N, C-alpha and C. Protein backbone atom coordinates (compact mmCIF):
# COMPACT_ATOMS: atom_id res chain seq x y z
N LYS A 1 95.95 -53.99 -5.30
CA LYS A 1 96.32 -55.30 -5.61
C LYS A 1 96.85 -56.19 -4.54
N GLU A 2 96.78 -57.14 -4.32
CA GLU A 2 97.67 -57.96 -3.11
C GLU A 2 98.90 -58.29 -3.46
N LYS A 3 99.64 -58.02 -2.50
CA LYS A 3 101.22 -58.23 -2.71
C LYS A 3 101.55 -59.63 -2.72
N LYS A 4 102.44 -59.85 -3.61
CA LYS A 4 103.00 -61.44 -3.79
C LYS A 4 103.77 -61.77 -2.28
N ARG A 5 103.40 -62.97 -2.07
CA ARG A 5 104.15 -63.38 -0.91
C ARG A 5 105.56 -64.11 -1.51
N LYS A 6 106.36 -64.10 -0.67
CA LYS A 6 107.85 -64.46 -1.18
C LYS A 6 108.08 -65.71 -0.33
N ASP A 7 107.34 -66.28 0.53
CA ASP A 7 107.48 -67.45 1.33
C ASP A 7 106.42 -68.43 1.17
N LEU A 8 106.94 -69.61 1.65
CA LEU A 8 105.90 -70.80 1.47
C LEU A 8 104.88 -70.70 2.70
N ASP A 9 103.63 -71.26 2.59
CA ASP A 9 102.79 -71.30 3.53
C ASP A 9 103.33 -72.50 4.52
N MET A 10 103.30 -72.44 5.61
CA MET A 10 103.93 -73.92 6.45
C MET A 10 102.71 -74.42 6.97
N PRO A 11 102.38 -75.65 7.13
CA PRO A 11 101.67 -76.45 8.04
C PRO A 11 102.17 -76.17 9.43
N ASN A 12 101.48 -76.70 10.59
CA ASN A 12 101.87 -76.64 11.81
C ASN A 12 102.57 -77.92 12.12
N ILE A 13 103.26 -77.89 13.41
CA ILE A 13 104.13 -79.01 13.64
C ILE A 13 103.72 -80.29 13.71
N PHE A 14 102.46 -80.33 14.05
CA PHE A 14 101.79 -81.74 13.97
C PHE A 14 101.78 -82.29 12.63
N ALA A 15 101.49 -81.58 11.46
CA ALA A 15 101.33 -82.05 10.36
C ALA A 15 102.82 -82.60 9.93
N TRP A 16 104.05 -81.83 10.29
CA TRP A 16 105.35 -82.25 10.25
C TRP A 16 105.50 -83.79 10.93
N LEU A 17 105.21 -83.88 12.26
CA LEU A 17 105.36 -84.94 13.09
C LEU A 17 104.49 -86.11 12.46
N PHE A 18 103.24 -86.01 12.15
CA PHE A 18 102.49 -87.00 11.66
C PHE A 18 102.84 -87.43 10.18
N SER A 19 103.24 -86.71 9.31
CA SER A 19 103.50 -87.14 7.94
C SER A 19 104.97 -87.90 7.90
N VAL A 20 106.01 -86.88 8.48
CA VAL A 20 107.40 -87.35 8.21
C VAL A 20 107.43 -88.49 9.17
N GLY A 21 107.13 -88.40 10.39
CA GLY A 21 107.28 -89.22 11.68
C GLY A 21 106.59 -90.53 11.21
N GLY A 22 105.38 -90.52 10.59
CA GLY A 22 104.72 -91.91 10.05
C GLY A 22 105.42 -92.42 8.91
N MET A 23 105.94 -91.76 7.99
CA MET A 23 106.54 -92.49 6.99
C MET A 23 107.82 -93.08 7.42
N PHE A 24 108.62 -92.36 8.43
CA PHE A 24 109.75 -93.00 9.10
C PHE A 24 109.41 -94.21 9.69
N GLN A 25 108.27 -94.24 10.69
CA GLN A 25 107.92 -95.33 11.31
C GLN A 25 107.60 -96.36 10.44
N LEU A 26 106.78 -96.28 9.42
CA LEU A 26 106.28 -97.15 8.54
C LEU A 26 107.40 -98.14 7.77
N PHE A 27 108.44 -97.00 7.54
CA PHE A 27 109.88 -97.66 6.88
C PHE A 27 110.46 -98.49 7.79
N CYS A 28 110.68 -98.03 8.99
CA CYS A 28 111.44 -98.82 9.91
C CYS A 28 110.60 -100.21 10.15
N CYS A 29 109.16 -100.17 10.32
CA CYS A 29 108.41 -101.63 10.53
C CYS A 29 108.30 -102.39 9.39
N ALA A 30 108.46 -101.72 8.05
CA ALA A 30 108.44 -102.62 7.01
C ALA A 30 109.86 -103.29 6.61
N PHE A 31 110.89 -102.61 6.86
CA PHE A 31 111.99 -103.07 6.27
C PHE A 31 113.15 -103.40 7.46
N ILE A 32 113.08 -102.74 8.60
CA ILE A 32 114.14 -103.21 9.57
C ILE A 32 113.73 -104.18 10.39
N PRO A 33 114.71 -105.11 10.60
CA PRO A 33 114.40 -106.40 11.58
C PRO A 33 113.94 -105.87 12.84
N PRO A 34 113.09 -106.73 13.70
CA PRO A 34 112.76 -106.32 14.79
C PRO A 34 113.98 -106.22 16.03
N LEU A 35 114.95 -106.85 15.76
CA LEU A 35 116.05 -106.68 16.67
C LEU A 35 116.57 -105.36 16.84
N TYR A 36 116.66 -104.51 15.67
CA TYR A 36 117.15 -103.23 15.53
C TYR A 36 116.06 -102.03 15.81
N LEU A 37 114.77 -102.44 15.92
CA LEU A 37 113.76 -101.33 16.18
C LEU A 37 113.63 -100.43 17.16
N GLY A 38 114.22 -101.35 18.45
CA GLY A 38 114.34 -100.40 19.86
C GLY A 38 112.84 -100.05 20.16
N PRO A 39 112.48 -98.69 20.35
CA PRO A 39 111.42 -98.50 20.86
C PRO A 39 110.13 -98.44 19.78
N PHE A 40 110.49 -99.06 18.43
CA PHE A 40 109.28 -99.03 17.39
C PHE A 40 108.87 -100.34 17.40
N VAL A 41 109.31 -101.26 18.31
CA VAL A 41 108.77 -102.52 18.33
C VAL A 41 107.15 -102.52 18.53
N TRP A 42 106.68 -101.81 19.26
CA TRP A 42 105.22 -101.70 19.59
C TRP A 42 104.67 -101.24 18.35
N VAL A 43 105.26 -100.27 17.60
CA VAL A 43 104.45 -99.87 16.37
C VAL A 43 104.44 -101.06 15.36
N ARG A 44 105.56 -101.78 15.13
CA ARG A 44 105.46 -102.91 14.37
C ARG A 44 104.54 -103.92 14.62
N SER A 45 104.25 -104.32 15.95
CA SER A 45 103.22 -105.18 16.06
C SER A 45 101.90 -104.47 15.97
N LEU A 46 101.52 -103.27 16.17
CA LEU A 46 100.46 -102.83 15.62
C LEU A 46 100.26 -102.83 14.27
N GLY A 47 101.13 -102.45 13.59
CA GLY A 47 101.11 -102.67 12.08
C GLY A 47 100.85 -104.05 11.53
N LEU A 48 101.31 -104.83 12.33
CA LEU A 48 101.21 -106.42 11.88
C LEU A 48 99.82 -106.73 12.36
N LEU A 49 99.40 -106.46 13.42
CA LEU A 49 98.14 -106.49 13.90
C LEU A 49 96.82 -105.84 12.92
N VAL A 50 97.15 -104.80 12.29
CA VAL A 50 96.39 -104.34 11.51
C VAL A 50 96.38 -104.78 9.83
N PHE A 51 97.71 -104.91 9.53
CA PHE A 51 98.05 -105.38 7.87
C PHE A 51 98.36 -106.77 7.99
N GLN A 52 98.49 -107.49 9.14
CA GLN A 52 98.72 -109.20 8.97
C GLN A 52 99.85 -109.55 8.36
N SER A 53 100.60 -108.81 7.68
CA SER A 53 102.11 -109.43 7.35
C SER A 53 102.94 -108.39 7.11
N ILE A 54 104.18 -108.49 6.97
CA ILE A 54 105.47 -107.58 6.61
C ILE A 54 105.05 -107.07 5.25
N LYS A 55 105.00 -108.00 4.42
CA LYS A 55 104.53 -107.96 2.92
C LYS A 55 103.70 -106.69 2.82
N ASN A 56 102.62 -106.95 3.47
CA ASN A 56 101.51 -105.70 3.26
C ASN A 56 102.16 -104.60 3.90
N LEU A 57 102.72 -104.34 4.82
CA LEU A 57 103.43 -103.20 5.46
C LEU A 57 104.43 -102.78 4.22
N GLN A 58 105.13 -103.40 3.64
CA GLN A 58 106.02 -103.07 2.53
C GLN A 58 105.40 -102.38 1.51
N ILE A 59 104.17 -103.06 1.07
CA ILE A 59 103.37 -102.67 0.08
C ILE A 59 102.51 -101.16 0.31
N LEU A 60 102.22 -101.27 1.69
CA LEU A 60 101.67 -99.83 2.12
C LEU A 60 102.61 -98.68 2.01
N PHE A 61 103.80 -99.14 2.33
CA PHE A 61 105.01 -98.09 2.39
C PHE A 61 105.34 -97.71 0.83
N TYR A 62 105.36 -98.68 -0.03
CA TYR A 62 105.32 -98.17 -1.50
C TYR A 62 104.29 -97.32 -1.95
N ILE A 63 103.09 -97.66 -1.90
CA ILE A 63 102.20 -96.88 -2.37
C ILE A 63 102.11 -95.44 -1.48
N SER A 64 102.45 -95.27 -0.42
CA SER A 64 102.49 -94.17 0.42
C SER A 64 103.66 -93.28 -0.24
N ALA A 65 104.60 -93.79 -0.46
CA ALA A 65 105.77 -93.01 -1.11
C ALA A 65 105.46 -92.80 -2.63
N LEU A 66 104.82 -93.43 -3.34
CA LEU A 66 104.22 -93.39 -4.61
C LEU A 66 103.38 -92.14 -4.62
N LEU A 67 102.41 -92.10 -3.61
CA LEU A 67 101.36 -90.96 -3.56
C LEU A 67 102.16 -89.56 -3.09
N HIS A 68 103.25 -89.68 -2.41
CA HIS A 68 104.15 -88.72 -1.82
C HIS A 68 104.60 -88.07 -3.45
N ILE A 69 105.10 -88.88 -4.24
CA ILE A 69 105.82 -88.32 -5.23
C ILE A 69 104.71 -87.71 -6.19
N ILE A 70 103.71 -88.46 -6.44
CA ILE A 70 102.63 -87.77 -7.26
C ILE A 70 102.04 -86.42 -6.88
N GLU A 71 102.03 -86.51 -5.59
CA GLU A 71 101.39 -85.29 -5.12
C GLU A 71 102.45 -84.06 -5.11
N ALA A 72 103.69 -84.40 -5.15
CA ALA A 72 104.89 -83.45 -5.34
C ALA A 72 104.97 -83.10 -6.74
N CYS A 73 104.80 -83.91 -7.71
CA CYS A 73 104.80 -83.48 -8.89
C CYS A 73 103.63 -82.50 -9.27
N TYR A 74 102.46 -82.81 -8.82
CA TYR A 74 101.03 -82.00 -9.17
C TYR A 74 101.44 -80.73 -8.58
N ALA A 75 102.08 -80.65 -7.38
CA ALA A 75 102.39 -79.41 -6.69
C ALA A 75 103.59 -78.51 -7.45
N TRP A 76 104.60 -79.25 -8.16
CA TRP A 76 105.41 -78.76 -8.94
C TRP A 76 104.82 -77.96 -10.20
N PHE A 77 103.96 -78.61 -10.78
CA PHE A 77 103.12 -78.06 -11.72
C PHE A 77 102.08 -76.78 -11.42
N LEU A 78 101.52 -77.13 -10.41
CA LEU A 78 100.64 -76.03 -9.81
C LEU A 78 101.11 -74.96 -9.41
N ALA A 79 102.39 -75.15 -8.65
CA ALA A 79 103.09 -73.73 -8.27
C ALA A 79 103.73 -72.97 -9.43
N ARG A 80 103.97 -73.60 -10.57
CA ARG A 80 104.39 -72.92 -11.54
C ARG A 80 103.52 -71.76 -12.23
N ARG A 81 102.14 -72.33 -11.86
CA ARG A 81 101.21 -71.33 -12.30
C ARG A 81 100.89 -70.43 -11.14
N VAL A 82 100.68 -70.90 -9.83
CA VAL A 82 100.21 -70.07 -8.81
C VAL A 82 101.41 -69.31 -8.24
N ASP A 83 102.52 -69.73 -7.87
CA ASP A 83 103.71 -69.32 -7.36
C ASP A 83 104.91 -69.47 -7.69
N PRO A 84 105.12 -69.04 -8.79
CA PRO A 84 106.43 -69.35 -9.73
C PRO A 84 107.71 -68.96 -8.92
N SER A 85 107.70 -68.34 -7.92
CA SER A 85 109.03 -68.03 -7.30
C SER A 85 109.40 -68.98 -6.39
N ASN A 86 108.44 -70.00 -6.01
CA ASN A 86 108.65 -70.97 -4.85
C ASN A 86 108.42 -72.32 -5.28
N VAL A 87 108.59 -72.53 -6.65
CA VAL A 87 108.26 -73.95 -7.19
C VAL A 87 109.04 -74.97 -6.38
N LYS A 88 110.37 -74.71 -6.17
CA LYS A 88 111.34 -75.95 -5.64
C LYS A 88 110.62 -75.99 -4.24
N GLY A 89 110.37 -74.97 -3.58
CA GLY A 89 109.92 -75.18 -2.18
C GLY A 89 108.72 -75.88 -1.99
N TRP A 90 107.86 -75.61 -2.82
CA TRP A 90 106.34 -76.31 -2.83
C TRP A 90 106.62 -77.74 -3.09
N PHE A 91 107.56 -78.23 -4.16
CA PHE A 91 107.75 -79.35 -4.44
C PHE A 91 108.32 -80.26 -3.21
N TRP A 92 109.33 -79.69 -2.73
CA TRP A 92 109.74 -80.60 -1.82
C TRP A 92 108.92 -80.68 -0.07
N GLN A 93 108.54 -79.48 -0.06
CA GLN A 93 107.51 -79.52 0.86
C GLN A 93 106.40 -80.54 0.96
N THR A 94 105.84 -80.45 -0.22
CA THR A 94 104.66 -81.50 -0.63
C THR A 94 105.26 -82.85 -0.62
N PHE A 95 106.49 -83.03 -1.30
CA PHE A 95 107.04 -84.46 -1.09
C PHE A 95 107.02 -85.05 0.34
N ALA A 96 107.61 -84.05 1.09
CA ALA A 96 107.87 -84.62 2.69
C ALA A 96 106.30 -84.64 3.46
N LEU A 97 105.38 -83.51 3.13
CA LEU A 97 104.27 -83.52 3.84
C LEU A 97 102.90 -84.25 3.12
N GLY A 98 102.93 -84.24 1.86
CA GLY A 98 102.02 -84.83 1.04
C GLY A 98 100.65 -83.71 1.06
N TYR A 99 99.44 -84.40 1.45
CA TYR A 99 98.24 -83.49 1.35
C TYR A 99 98.48 -82.26 2.34
N PHE A 100 98.94 -82.31 3.49
CA PHE A 100 99.05 -81.21 4.41
C PHE A 100 99.54 -79.86 3.60
N SER A 101 100.68 -80.10 2.70
CA SER A 101 101.11 -79.07 2.01
C SER A 101 100.56 -78.63 0.67
N LEU A 102 100.05 -79.76 -0.07
CA LEU A 102 99.20 -79.60 -1.14
C LEU A 102 97.81 -78.88 -1.02
N ARG A 103 97.21 -79.09 0.26
CA ARG A 103 96.24 -78.12 0.65
C ARG A 103 96.32 -76.72 0.70
N LEU A 104 97.51 -76.35 1.27
CA LEU A 104 97.94 -74.88 1.45
C LEU A 104 98.36 -74.15 -0.08
N LEU A 105 98.68 -75.13 -0.87
CA LEU A 105 98.90 -74.53 -2.24
C LEU A 105 97.76 -74.49 -2.92
N LEU A 106 96.73 -75.48 -2.87
CA LEU A 106 95.56 -75.23 -3.43
C LEU A 106 94.58 -74.09 -3.13
N LYS A 107 94.91 -73.68 -1.61
CA LYS A 107 94.28 -72.51 -1.08
C LYS A 107 94.81 -71.30 -1.44
N ARG A 108 96.04 -71.15 -1.79
CA ARG A 108 96.70 -70.02 -2.36
C ARG A 108 96.45 -69.82 -3.75
N GLY A 109 96.18 -70.97 -4.73
CA GLY A 109 95.67 -70.89 -5.83
C GLY A 109 94.14 -70.14 -6.20
N LYS A 110 93.43 -70.47 -5.00
CA LYS A 110 92.13 -69.89 -5.09
C LYS A 110 91.99 -68.39 -5.09
N HIS A 111 92.93 -67.79 -4.39
CA HIS A 111 92.95 -66.27 -4.07
C HIS A 111 93.33 -65.42 -5.25
């Protein structure tokens, strides 16, 4: 039989940078005044170019945060069945990374 793993599968550093960094930048652009953005002013300008208003950026942030929460809850229930010893770890990792973490948990469930 395959030996049970005691740790989480971790995505690479680029997934961490993309997901956590992206949510942080989206939050900064949507809620922090331009005076305090510093080096993120260009990100805000790009966001406004694409989404056309601060309100749309805020809606995008709320939707993204909600999706991360839903994915984390799904990971909680899936991990209870697939990897019961690491349920909390899968929840928090999926909350932070979203799909990048959930994909690894789903892959673990297929084995």
